[in-house]
């Protein structure tokens, strides 16, 4: 049975410093779901707190290196959904919603090496894609 999260936690040093973005995120949460924005160090700290253990949360990250930082800090993740990564200068489009640079590719490979699998799709109805195959489209992989 799929248990829905009761909390959305945006884990980002950048967003946690931006009052406007924090406000928009907390206001956009669906009814019955609490949204929080916390820095990476706080996520690592609360993960180790036994009071957090029963919380069902959806963790949202801005980029794969932030995911790697929390995993290296002791947060146990089995799978990461990669829904979209915005294009910007220096990034390579690997499909219609994913754009990566060398730093992203290194972080994704490091996550794979830690046993984490990837669910690459923007919405649940999309067909699941293979991240490692997509990364072969870059000169970074």
N, C-alpha and C. Protein backbone atom coordinates (compact mmCIF):
# COMPACT_ATOMS: atom_id res chain seq x y z
N UNK A 1 0.85 -1.19 0.00
CA UNK A 1 0.00 0.00 0.00
C UNK A 1 0.89 1.25 0.00
N UNK A 2 0.58 2.18 -0.87
CA UNK A 2 1.35 3.41 -0.98
C UNK A 2 0.89 4.39 0.10
N UNK A 3 1.79 4.77 0.99
CA UNK A 3 1.45 5.71 2.06
C UNK A 3 1.86 7.10 1.62
N UNK A 4 0.92 8.02 1.63
CA UNK A 4 1.19 9.38 1.20
C UNK A 4 1.93 10.14 2.30
N UNK A 5 2.90 10.98 1.90
CA UNK A 5 3.61 11.77 2.91
C UNK A 5 2.70 12.83 3.54
N UNK A 6 2.96 13.14 4.80
CA UNK A 6 2.22 14.19 5.49
C UNK A 6 3.01 15.49 5.50
N UNK A 7 4.22 15.42 4.97
CA UNK A 7 5.10 16.58 5.01
C UNK A 7 5.95 16.62 3.75
N UNK A 8 6.15 17.82 3.24
CA UNK A 8 7.09 18.06 2.15
C UNK A 8 8.23 18.88 2.74
N UNK A 9 9.44 18.40 2.54
CA UNK A 9 10.60 19.13 3.05
C UNK A 9 11.50 19.48 1.87
N UNK A 10 11.64 20.77 1.62
CA UNK A 10 12.57 21.24 0.60
C UNK A 10 13.92 21.39 1.29
N UNK A 11 14.90 20.63 0.81
CA UNK A 11 16.22 20.61 1.42
C UNK A 11 17.16 21.40 0.52
N UNK A 12 17.46 22.63 0.94
CA UNK A 12 18.28 23.50 0.10
C UNK A 12 18.85 24.65 0.91
N UNK A 13 20.16 24.81 0.86
CA UNK A 13 20.78 25.96 1.52
C UNK A 13 20.31 27.26 0.86
N UNK A 14 20.21 27.26 -0.47
CA UNK A 14 19.82 28.46 -1.20
C UNK A 14 18.38 28.88 -0.90
N UNK A 15 17.45 27.94 -1.00
CA UNK A 15 16.04 28.27 -0.79
C UNK A 15 15.80 28.66 0.67
N UNK A 16 16.51 28.03 1.60
CA UNK A 16 16.30 28.33 3.02
C UNK A 16 16.68 29.77 3.36
N UNK A 17 17.51 30.41 2.52
CA UNK A 17 17.91 31.81 2.73
C UNK A 17 16.99 32.80 2.02
N UNK A 18 16.04 32.29 1.23
CA UNK A 18 15.20 33.14 0.38
C UNK A 18 13.77 33.16 0.93
N UNK A 19 13.42 34.24 1.63
CA UNK A 19 12.11 34.31 2.28
C UNK A 19 10.94 34.22 1.31
N UNK A 20 11.08 34.80 0.11
CA UNK A 20 10.00 34.74 -0.87
C UNK A 20 9.77 33.30 -1.33
N UNK A 21 10.83 32.63 -1.71
CA UNK A 21 10.69 31.23 -2.17
C UNK A 21 10.16 30.34 -1.05
N UNK A 22 10.63 30.54 0.18
CA UNK A 22 10.13 29.75 1.32
C UNK A 22 8.62 29.98 1.49
N UNK A 23 8.21 31.21 1.41
CA UNK A 23 6.79 31.55 1.58
C UNK A 23 5.94 30.91 0.49
N UNK A 24 6.40 30.97 -0.75
CA UNK A 24 5.66 30.37 -1.86
C UNK A 24 5.51 28.86 -1.69
N UNK A 25 6.56 28.20 -1.24
CA UNK A 25 6.53 26.75 -1.05
C UNK A 25 5.56 26.37 0.06
N UNK A 26 5.62 27.06 1.18
CA UNK A 26 4.75 26.69 2.30
C UNK A 26 3.29 26.96 1.96
N UNK A 27 3.02 28.00 1.18
CA UNK A 27 1.64 28.32 0.80
C UNK A 27 1.10 27.38 -0.27
N UNK A 28 1.98 26.78 -1.07
CA UNK A 28 1.55 25.93 -2.18
C UNK A 28 1.32 24.47 -1.77
N UNK A 29 1.59 24.13 -0.53
CA UNK A 29 1.42 22.74 -0.08
C UNK A 29 -0.05 22.33 -0.19
N UNK A 30 -0.31 21.09 -0.59
CA UNK A 30 -1.69 20.62 -0.67
C UNK A 30 -2.34 20.57 0.72
N UNK A 31 -3.67 20.58 0.77
CA UNK A 31 -4.36 20.51 2.07
C UNK A 31 -3.93 19.25 2.84
N UNK A 32 -3.68 19.41 4.12
CA UNK A 32 -3.31 18.27 4.96
C UNK A 32 -1.83 17.92 4.91
N UNK A 33 -1.05 18.68 4.11
CA UNK A 33 0.39 18.42 4.01
C UNK A 33 1.12 19.67 4.45
N UNK A 34 2.03 19.51 5.40
CA UNK A 34 2.83 20.63 5.88
C UNK A 34 4.11 20.71 5.06
N UNK A 35 4.49 21.90 4.65
CA UNK A 35 5.72 22.09 3.88
C UNK A 35 6.73 22.89 4.70
N UNK A 36 7.98 22.45 4.64
CA UNK A 36 9.06 23.14 5.32
C UNK A 36 10.22 23.31 4.35
N UNK A 37 11.04 24.31 4.61
CA UNK A 37 12.27 24.52 3.85
C UNK A 37 13.39 24.55 4.87
N UNK A 38 14.38 23.67 4.68
CA UNK A 38 15.48 23.60 5.63
C UNK A 38 16.82 23.49 4.90
N UNK A 39 17.89 23.97 5.54
CA UNK A 39 19.22 23.80 4.94
C UNK A 39 19.68 22.34 5.04
N UNK A 40 20.67 21.99 4.27
CA UNK A 40 21.17 20.62 4.22
C UNK A 40 21.63 20.13 5.59
N UNK A 41 22.34 20.97 6.34
CA UNK A 41 22.84 20.55 7.66
C UNK A 41 21.69 20.21 8.61
N UNK A 42 20.58 20.92 8.50
CA UNK A 42 19.41 20.64 9.35
C UNK A 42 18.78 19.30 8.98
N UNK A 43 18.74 18.95 7.68
CA UNK A 43 18.20 17.66 7.26
C UNK A 43 19.04 16.53 7.85
N UNK A 44 20.34 16.67 7.82
CA UNK A 44 21.23 15.65 8.38
C UNK A 44 20.99 15.53 9.89
N UNK A 45 20.84 16.68 10.55
CA UNK A 45 20.62 16.69 12.00
C UNK A 45 19.29 16.02 12.38
N UNK A 46 18.21 16.37 11.69
CA UNK A 46 16.91 15.79 12.07
C UNK A 46 16.82 14.32 11.67
N UNK A 47 17.55 13.90 10.63
CA UNK A 47 17.53 12.50 10.23
C UNK A 47 18.04 11.62 11.38
N UNK A 48 19.01 12.13 12.10
CA UNK A 48 19.62 11.37 13.20
C UNK A 48 18.78 11.44 14.48
N UNK A 49 17.76 12.31 14.50
CA UNK A 49 16.91 12.48 15.68
C UNK A 49 15.82 11.41 15.67
N UNK A 50 15.73 10.58 16.72
CA UNK A 50 14.73 9.50 16.73
C UNK A 50 13.28 10.00 16.63
N UNK A 51 13.03 11.24 17.00
CA UNK A 51 11.66 11.78 16.91
C UNK A 51 11.20 11.93 15.46
N UNK A 52 12.15 12.00 14.52
CA UNK A 52 11.82 12.15 13.10
C UNK A 52 11.43 10.82 12.47
N UNK A 53 11.77 9.72 13.11
CA UNK A 53 11.63 8.37 12.55
C UNK A 53 10.28 8.00 11.97
N UNK A 54 9.19 8.45 12.55
CA UNK A 54 7.87 8.05 12.08
C UNK A 54 7.27 9.04 11.06
N UNK A 55 7.98 10.09 10.77
CA UNK A 55 7.49 11.11 9.84
C UNK A 55 7.55 10.59 8.41
N UNK A 56 6.44 10.71 7.68
CA UNK A 56 6.40 10.36 6.26
C UNK A 56 6.61 11.66 5.49
N UNK A 57 7.76 11.81 4.85
CA UNK A 57 8.08 13.08 4.19
C UNK A 57 8.56 12.84 2.78
N UNK A 58 8.19 13.77 1.91
CA UNK A 58 8.73 13.84 0.56
C UNK A 58 9.84 14.88 0.60
N UNK A 59 11.06 14.45 0.31
CA UNK A 59 12.20 15.37 0.31
C UNK A 59 12.41 15.89 -1.10
N UNK A 60 12.50 17.20 -1.24
CA UNK A 60 12.74 17.82 -2.54
C UNK A 60 14.09 18.53 -2.52
N UNK A 61 14.87 18.32 -3.58
CA UNK A 61 16.19 18.92 -3.70
C UNK A 61 16.26 19.69 -5.00
N UNK A 62 17.16 20.68 -5.05
CA UNK A 62 17.35 21.46 -6.27
C UNK A 62 18.30 20.80 -7.26
N UNK A 63 19.22 19.98 -6.75
CA UNK A 63 20.24 19.40 -7.63
C UNK A 63 20.81 18.13 -7.01
N UNK A 64 21.48 17.31 -7.82
CA UNK A 64 22.01 16.04 -7.31
C UNK A 64 23.15 16.20 -6.30
N UNK A 65 23.90 17.31 -6.35
CA UNK A 65 25.00 17.45 -5.38
C UNK A 65 24.46 17.67 -3.98
N UNK A 66 23.30 18.33 -3.86
CA UNK A 66 22.68 18.47 -2.53
C UNK A 66 22.21 17.11 -2.01
N UNK A 67 21.69 16.27 -2.91
CA UNK A 67 21.30 14.91 -2.51
C UNK A 67 22.54 14.16 -2.02
N UNK A 68 23.63 14.26 -2.75
CA UNK A 68 24.86 13.59 -2.37
C UNK A 68 25.35 14.08 -1.00
N UNK A 69 25.25 15.37 -0.75
CA UNK A 69 25.69 15.92 0.55
C UNK A 69 24.88 15.32 1.70
N UNK A 70 23.57 15.17 1.55
CA UNK A 70 22.79 14.61 2.66
C UNK A 70 23.09 13.12 2.83
N UNK A 71 23.28 12.41 1.71
CA UNK A 71 23.61 10.98 1.80
C UNK A 71 24.97 10.80 2.48
N UNK A 72 25.94 11.61 2.10
CA UNK A 72 27.26 11.54 2.74
C UNK A 72 27.18 11.93 4.22
N UNK A 73 26.16 12.72 4.59
CA UNK A 73 25.95 13.12 5.98
C UNK A 73 25.19 12.10 6.80
N UNK A 74 24.79 10.98 6.16
CA UNK A 74 24.14 9.92 6.91
C UNK A 74 22.67 9.70 6.62
N UNK A 75 22.07 10.51 5.76
CA UNK A 75 20.66 10.32 5.40
C UNK A 75 20.57 9.12 4.47
N UNK A 76 19.73 8.16 4.83
CA UNK A 76 19.62 6.92 4.06
C UNK A 76 18.52 7.02 3.02
N UNK A 77 18.91 7.03 1.76
CA UNK A 77 17.96 7.05 0.65
C UNK A 77 18.20 5.81 -0.20
N UNK A 78 17.13 5.20 -0.67
CA UNK A 78 17.25 4.03 -1.55
C UNK A 78 17.08 4.41 -3.01
N UNK A 79 16.16 5.35 -3.25
CA UNK A 79 15.85 5.75 -4.62
C UNK A 79 15.60 7.25 -4.66
N UNK A 80 15.99 7.87 -5.76
CA UNK A 80 15.78 9.29 -5.97
C UNK A 80 15.00 9.45 -7.27
N UNK A 81 13.89 10.17 -7.20
CA UNK A 81 13.15 10.51 -8.41
C UNK A 81 13.76 11.78 -8.97
N UNK A 82 14.09 11.75 -10.25
CA UNK A 82 14.60 12.94 -10.91
C UNK A 82 13.55 13.36 -11.92
N UNK A 83 12.82 14.42 -11.57
CA UNK A 83 11.70 14.85 -12.39
C UNK A 83 12.09 15.87 -13.45
N UNK A 84 12.92 16.82 -13.05
CA UNK A 84 13.40 17.80 -14.03
C UNK A 84 14.62 18.51 -13.45
N UNK A 85 15.47 18.95 -14.34
CA UNK A 85 16.63 19.75 -13.98
C UNK A 85 16.76 20.81 -15.08
N UNK A 86 16.62 22.06 -14.66
CA UNK A 86 16.54 23.17 -15.61
C UNK A 86 17.83 23.38 -16.39
N UNK A 87 17.65 23.83 -17.63
CA UNK A 87 18.79 24.14 -18.48
C UNK A 87 19.36 25.51 -18.12
N UNK A 88 20.67 25.60 -18.11
CA UNK A 88 21.35 26.88 -17.95
C UNK A 88 22.68 26.77 -18.68
N UNK A 89 23.40 27.87 -18.75
CA UNK A 89 24.65 27.90 -19.50
C UNK A 89 25.62 26.85 -18.98
N UNK A 90 26.23 26.10 -19.88
CA UNK A 90 27.19 25.08 -19.52
C UNK A 90 26.57 23.70 -19.30
N UNK A 91 25.24 23.62 -19.38
CA UNK A 91 24.57 22.34 -19.19
C UNK A 91 24.20 21.73 -20.53
N UNK A 92 24.07 20.41 -20.54
CA UNK A 92 23.72 19.66 -21.74
C UNK A 92 22.34 19.04 -21.53
N UNK A 93 21.45 19.25 -22.50
CA UNK A 93 20.11 18.64 -22.44
C UNK A 93 20.25 17.14 -22.74
N UNK A 94 19.75 16.28 -21.82
CA UNK A 94 19.83 14.84 -22.06
C UNK A 94 18.46 14.23 -22.34
N UNK A 95 17.41 15.00 -22.11
CA UNK A 95 16.06 14.68 -22.60
C UNK A 95 15.26 15.97 -22.53
N UNK A 96 13.95 15.88 -22.68
CA UNK A 96 13.17 17.12 -22.78
C UNK A 96 13.05 17.89 -21.46
N UNK A 97 13.38 17.29 -20.31
CA UNK A 97 13.25 18.00 -19.03
C UNK A 97 14.52 17.94 -18.16
N UNK A 98 15.55 17.26 -18.65
CA UNK A 98 16.78 17.13 -17.85
C UNK A 98 17.97 17.77 -18.54
N UNK A 99 18.67 18.58 -17.78
CA UNK A 99 19.87 19.24 -18.28
C UNK A 99 20.94 19.11 -17.20
N UNK A 100 22.13 18.66 -17.57
CA UNK A 100 23.19 18.40 -16.59
C UNK A 100 24.50 19.04 -16.99
N UNK A 101 25.33 19.28 -15.97
CA UNK A 101 26.71 19.69 -16.24
C UNK A 101 27.62 18.64 -15.61
N UNK A 102 28.92 18.87 -15.70
CA UNK A 102 29.88 17.88 -15.21
C UNK A 102 29.71 17.61 -13.71
N UNK A 103 29.44 18.66 -12.93
CA UNK A 103 29.26 18.50 -11.49
C UNK A 103 28.03 17.62 -11.19
N UNK A 104 26.95 17.82 -11.93
CA UNK A 104 25.75 16.99 -11.77
C UNK A 104 26.06 15.52 -12.07
N UNK A 105 26.77 15.29 -13.18
CA UNK A 105 27.08 13.93 -13.60
C UNK A 105 27.94 13.22 -12.54
N UNK A 106 28.92 13.93 -12.01
CA UNK A 106 29.78 13.33 -10.97
C UNK A 106 28.95 12.97 -9.74
N UNK A 107 28.04 13.85 -9.34
CA UNK A 107 27.20 13.59 -8.17
C UNK A 107 26.27 12.41 -8.43
N UNK A 108 25.71 12.32 -9.62
CA UNK A 108 24.81 11.20 -9.94
C UNK A 108 25.58 9.87 -9.94
N UNK A 109 26.79 9.86 -10.47
CA UNK A 109 27.60 8.64 -10.45
C UNK A 109 27.98 8.27 -9.01
N UNK A 110 28.29 9.26 -8.19
CA UNK A 110 28.63 8.99 -6.78
C UNK A 110 27.42 8.42 -6.05
N UNK A 111 26.23 8.92 -6.34
CA UNK A 111 25.00 8.37 -5.73
C UNK A 111 24.78 6.93 -6.18
N UNK A 112 24.99 6.68 -7.46
CA UNK A 112 24.86 5.31 -7.98
C UNK A 112 25.84 4.38 -7.28
N UNK A 113 27.06 4.86 -7.09
CA UNK A 113 28.09 4.05 -6.42
C UNK A 113 27.73 3.75 -4.97
N UNK A 114 26.85 4.56 -4.38
CA UNK A 114 26.39 4.33 -3.01
C UNK A 114 25.15 3.42 -2.98
N UNK A 115 24.78 2.89 -4.16
CA UNK A 115 23.66 1.96 -4.22
C UNK A 115 22.30 2.59 -4.43
N UNK A 116 22.27 3.88 -4.71
CA UNK A 116 20.99 4.58 -4.91
C UNK A 116 20.54 4.38 -6.35
N UNK A 117 19.25 4.08 -6.51
CA UNK A 117 18.68 3.94 -7.85
C UNK A 117 17.94 5.23 -8.20
N UNK A 118 17.67 5.40 -9.49
CA UNK A 118 17.02 6.61 -9.97
C UNK A 118 15.71 6.27 -10.68
N UNK A 119 14.69 7.03 -10.37
CA UNK A 119 13.41 6.95 -11.04
C UNK A 119 13.31 8.25 -11.84
N UNK A 120 13.56 8.15 -13.14
CA UNK A 120 13.62 9.36 -13.96
C UNK A 120 12.31 9.51 -14.72
N UNK A 121 11.46 10.39 -14.23
CA UNK A 121 10.21 10.75 -14.90
C UNK A 121 9.63 11.97 -14.21
N UNK A 122 9.06 12.84 -15.02
CA UNK A 122 8.53 14.11 -14.50
C UNK A 122 7.23 13.88 -13.73
N UNK A 123 6.36 13.06 -14.25
CA UNK A 123 5.09 12.74 -13.58
C UNK A 123 4.93 11.22 -13.55
N UNK A 124 4.17 10.69 -12.59
CA UNK A 124 4.05 9.24 -12.46
C UNK A 124 3.60 8.51 -13.72
N UNK A 125 2.83 9.16 -14.58
CA UNK A 125 2.34 8.49 -15.79
C UNK A 125 3.40 8.39 -16.89
N UNK A 126 4.52 9.10 -16.75
CA UNK A 126 5.62 9.01 -17.72
C UNK A 126 6.28 7.64 -17.63
N UNK A 127 6.84 7.21 -18.75
CA UNK A 127 7.62 5.97 -18.74
C UNK A 127 8.94 6.23 -18.02
N UNK A 128 9.33 5.30 -17.17
CA UNK A 128 10.57 5.41 -16.42
C UNK A 128 11.77 5.37 -17.38
N UNK A 129 12.73 6.26 -17.17
CA UNK A 129 13.94 6.32 -18.01
C UNK A 129 15.16 5.84 -17.23
N UNK A 130 16.18 5.39 -17.95
CA UNK A 130 17.42 4.95 -17.34
C UNK A 130 18.40 6.12 -17.30
N UNK A 131 18.70 6.61 -16.09
CA UNK A 131 19.57 7.78 -15.93
C UNK A 131 20.95 7.54 -16.51
N UNK A 132 21.53 6.37 -16.30
CA UNK A 132 22.88 6.12 -16.80
C UNK A 132 22.94 6.13 -18.32
N UNK A 133 21.88 5.64 -18.97
CA UNK A 133 21.82 5.72 -20.44
C UNK A 133 21.71 7.18 -20.89
N UNK A 134 20.90 7.98 -20.18
CA UNK A 134 20.75 9.39 -20.54
C UNK A 134 22.08 10.14 -20.38
N UNK A 135 22.84 9.79 -19.34
CA UNK A 135 24.12 10.48 -19.09
C UNK A 135 25.14 10.21 -20.19
N UNK A 136 24.97 9.11 -20.92
CA UNK A 136 25.90 8.80 -22.01
C UNK A 136 25.81 9.83 -23.14
N UNK A 137 24.73 10.64 -23.13
CA UNK A 137 24.58 11.68 -24.16
C UNK A 137 25.48 12.88 -23.93
N UNK A 138 26.20 12.88 -22.80
CA UNK A 138 27.08 13.99 -22.49
C UNK A 138 28.53 13.58 -22.73
N UNK A 139 29.41 14.57 -22.74
CA UNK A 139 30.83 14.29 -22.80
C UNK A 139 31.40 14.12 -21.39
N UNK A 140 30.53 14.27 -20.37
CA UNK A 140 30.98 14.22 -18.98
C UNK A 140 31.01 12.79 -18.44
N UNK A 141 30.17 11.89 -19.00
CA UNK A 141 29.99 10.56 -18.42
C UNK A 141 31.16 9.65 -18.73
